[in-house]
Amino acid sequence: MGTADDALLVAEDGGRVIALCHAHARPALDKPPEAVARSLVADQAYDDRGVGRDTMMMPETWTSDHGSGSLALYSGAERSEAHAF
């Protein structure tokens, strides 16, 4: 993605990308740095297989490996299904 503070994480099934997440480190002056998960998307055909959950675990691991103390995931107020996830 261009810097060590960004990662594009993908899940594949037989060489086909079925989910992805962009993660980046966000420094802060008032607290320890945190990571932010962005663009978390998964193929709906895999909804019942835990691909979304597994995809969210990728930036959690990346966050830990890069020394950030927390991971944030934001979603628009109108996205109730995303909030339930």
C-alpha atoms as a PDB file:
ATOM      1  CA  MET A   1       0.000   0.000   0.000  1.00  0.00           C
ATOM      2  CA  GLY A   2       2.996   2.262  -0.094  1.00  0.00           C
ATOM      3  CA  THR A   3       4.049   2.467   3.569  1.00  0.00           C
ATOM      4  CA  ALA A   4       4.740   0.155   6.478  1.00  0.00           C
ATOM      5  CA  ASP A   5       1.746   1.743   8.222  1.00  0.00           C
ATOM      6  CA  ASP A   6      -0.757   0.355   5.685  1.00  0.00           C
ATOM      7  CA  ALA A   7      -1.779  -3.153   4.756  1.00  0.00           C
ATOM      8  CA  LEU A   8      -4.196  -4.661   2.274  1.00  0.00           C
ATOM      9  CA  LEU A   9      -5.259  -7.988   3.736  1.00  0.00           C
ATOM     10  CA  VAL A  10      -7.081 -10.516   1.565  1.00  0.00           C
ATOM     11  CA  ALA A  11      -8.789 -13.862   2.006  1.00  0.00           C
ATOM     12  CA  GLU A  12      -8.793 -16.268  -0.911  1.00  0.00           C
ATOM     13  CA  ASP A  13     -10.615 -19.417  -1.876  1.00  0.00           C
ATOM     14  CA  GLY A  14      -8.879 -21.356  -4.616  1.00  0.00           C
ATOM     15  CA  GLY A  15      -6.978 -18.275  -5.776  1.00  0.00           C
ATOM     16  CA  ARG A  16     -10.138 -16.127  -5.888  1.00  0.00           C
ATOM     17  CA  VAL A  17     -10.289 -13.099  -3.562  1.00  0.00           C
ATOM     18  CA  ILE A  18     -13.390 -13.495  -1.401  1.00  0.00           C
ATOM     19  CA  ALA A  19     -12.747 -10.788   1.210  1.00  0.00           C
ATOM     20  CA  LEU A  20     -10.443  -7.880   1.903  1.00  0.00           C
ATOM     21  CA  CYS A  21      -9.649  -5.261   4.472  1.00  0.00           C
ATOM     22  CA  HIS A  22      -7.435  -2.189   4.370  1.00  0.00           C
ATOM     23  CA  ALA A  23      -5.781  -1.506   7.721  1.00  0.00           C
ATOM     24  CA  HIS A  24      -3.611   1.433   8.688  1.00  0.00           C
ATOM     25  CA  ALA A  25      -1.847   2.707  11.766  1.00  0.00           C
ATOM     26  CA  ARG A  26      -3.063   6.033  13.100  1.00  0.00           C
ATOM     27  CA  PRO A  27      -0.730   7.925  15.420  1.00  0.00           C
ATOM     28  CA  ALA A  28      -2.151  10.077  18.192  1.00  0.00           C
ATOM     29  CA  LEU A  29      -0.670  12.677  20.513  1.00  0.00           C
ATOM     30  CA  ASP A  30      -3.088  12.077  23.380  1.00  0.00           C
ATOM     31  CA  LYS A  31      -3.126   8.273  23.494  1.00  0.00           C
ATOM     32  CA  PRO A  32      -1.191   5.250  22.245  1.00  0.00           C
ATOM     33  CA  PRO A  33      -1.342   4.714  18.483  1.00  0.00           C
ATOM     34  CA  GLU A  34      -4.261   2.694  17.182  1.00  0.00           C
ATOM     35  CA  ALA A  35      -5.003   0.863  13.985  1.00  0.00           C
ATOM     36  CA  VAL A  36      -8.071   1.450  11.848  1.00  0.00           C
ATOM     37  CA  ALA A  37      -9.766  -1.204   9.725  1.00  0.00           C
ATOM     38  CA  ARG A  38     -11.259   0.224   6.555  1.00  0.00           C
ATOM     39  CA  SER A  39     -13.021  -1.209   3.546  1.00  0.00           C
ATOM     40  CA  LEU A  40     -13.884  -4.484   5.228  1.00  0.00           C
ATOM     41  CA  VAL A  41     -15.774  -6.375   2.521  1.00  0.00           C
ATOM     42  CA  ALA A  42     -16.597 -10.028   1.938  1.00  0.00           C
ATOM     43  CA  ASP A  43     -18.350 -11.913  -0.836  1.00  0.00           C
ATOM     44  CA  GLN A  44     -21.954 -12.482   0.259  1.00  0.00           C
ATOM     45  CA  ALA A  45     -21.789 -16.035  -1.069  1.00  0.00           C
ATOM     46  CA  TYR A  46     -19.554 -16.796   1.933  1.00  0.00           C
ATOM     47  CA  ASP A  47     -21.733 -15.167   4.613  1.00  0.00           C
ATOM     48  CA  ASP A  48     -22.534 -18.400   6.404  1.00  0.00           C
ATOM     49  CA  ARG A  49     -18.911 -19.574   6.477  1.00  0.00           C
ATOM     50  CA  GLY A  50     -17.434 -17.029   8.904  1.00  0.00           C
ATOM     51  CA  VAL A  51     -15.401 -15.226   6.254  1.00  0.00           C
ATOM     52  CA  GLY A  52     -16.312 -11.784   7.663  1.00  0.00           C
ATOM     53  CA  ARG A  53     -15.232 -12.821  11.155  1.00  0.00           C
ATOM     54  CA  ASP A  54     -12.023 -14.349   9.821  1.00  0.00           C
ATOM     55  CA  THR A  55     -11.321 -11.258   7.715  1.00  0.00           C
ATOM     56  CA  MET A  56     -11.703  -9.044  10.792  1.00  0.00           C
ATOM     57  CA  MET A  57      -9.152 -11.199  12.587  1.00  0.00           C
ATOM     58  CA  MET A  58      -6.508 -10.317   9.969  1.00  0.00           C
ATOM     59  CA  PRO A  59      -6.281  -6.612  10.931  1.00  0.00           C
ATOM     60  CA  GLU A  60      -6.431  -7.626  14.616  1.00  0.00           C
ATOM     61  CA  THR A  61      -3.271  -9.692  14.090  1.00  0.00           C
ATOM     62  CA  TRP A  62      -1.675  -6.936  11.992  1.00  0.00           C
ATOM     63  CA  THR A  63      -2.484  -4.396  14.729  1.00  0.00           C
ATOM     64  CA  SER A  64      -0.809  -6.499  17.383  1.00  0.00           C
ATOM     65  CA  ASP A  65       2.226  -7.154  15.177  1.00  0.00           C
ATOM     66  CA  HIS A  66       2.659  -3.398  14.585  1.00  0.00           C
ATOM     67  CA  GLY A  67       2.537  -2.399  18.250  1.00  0.00           C
ATOM     68  CA  SER A  68      -0.816  -0.646  18.266  1.00  0.00           C
ATOM     69  CA  GLY A  69      -2.881  -1.037  21.396  1.00  0.00           C
ATOM     70  CA  SER A  70      -6.313  -1.013  19.768  1.00  0.00           C
ATOM     71  CA  LEU A  71      -8.172  -1.477  16.515  1.00  0.00           C
ATOM     72  CA  ALA A  72     -11.077   0.730  15.420  1.00  0.00           C
ATOM     73  CA  LEU A  73     -13.739  -0.121  12.866  1.00  0.00           C
ATOM     74  CA  TYR A  74     -16.189   2.596  11.852  1.00  0.00           C
ATOM     75  CA  SER A  75     -19.485   2.221  10.060  1.00  0.00           C
ATOM     76  CA  GLY A  76     -22.180   4.667   8.974  1.00  0.00           C
ATOM     77  CA  ALA A  77     -25.201   5.022  11.278  1.00  0.00           C
ATOM     78  CA  GLU A  78     -27.543   3.641   8.613  1.00  0.00           C
ATOM     79  CA  ARG A  79     -25.674   0.315   8.304  1.00  0.00           C
ATOM     80  CA  SER A  80     -27.498  -1.687  10.971  1.00  0.00           C
ATOM     81  CA  GLU A  81     -26.357  -5.068   9.582  1.00  0.00           C
ATOM     82  CA  ALA A  82     -22.741  -3.935   9.806  1.00  0.00           C
ATOM     83  CA  HIS A  83     -23.301  -2.838  13.397  1.00  0.00           C
ATOM     84  CA  ALA A  84     -24.712  -6.234  14.311  1.00  0.00           C
ATOM     85  CA  PHE A  85     -21.562  -7.825  12.829  1.00  0.00           C
END
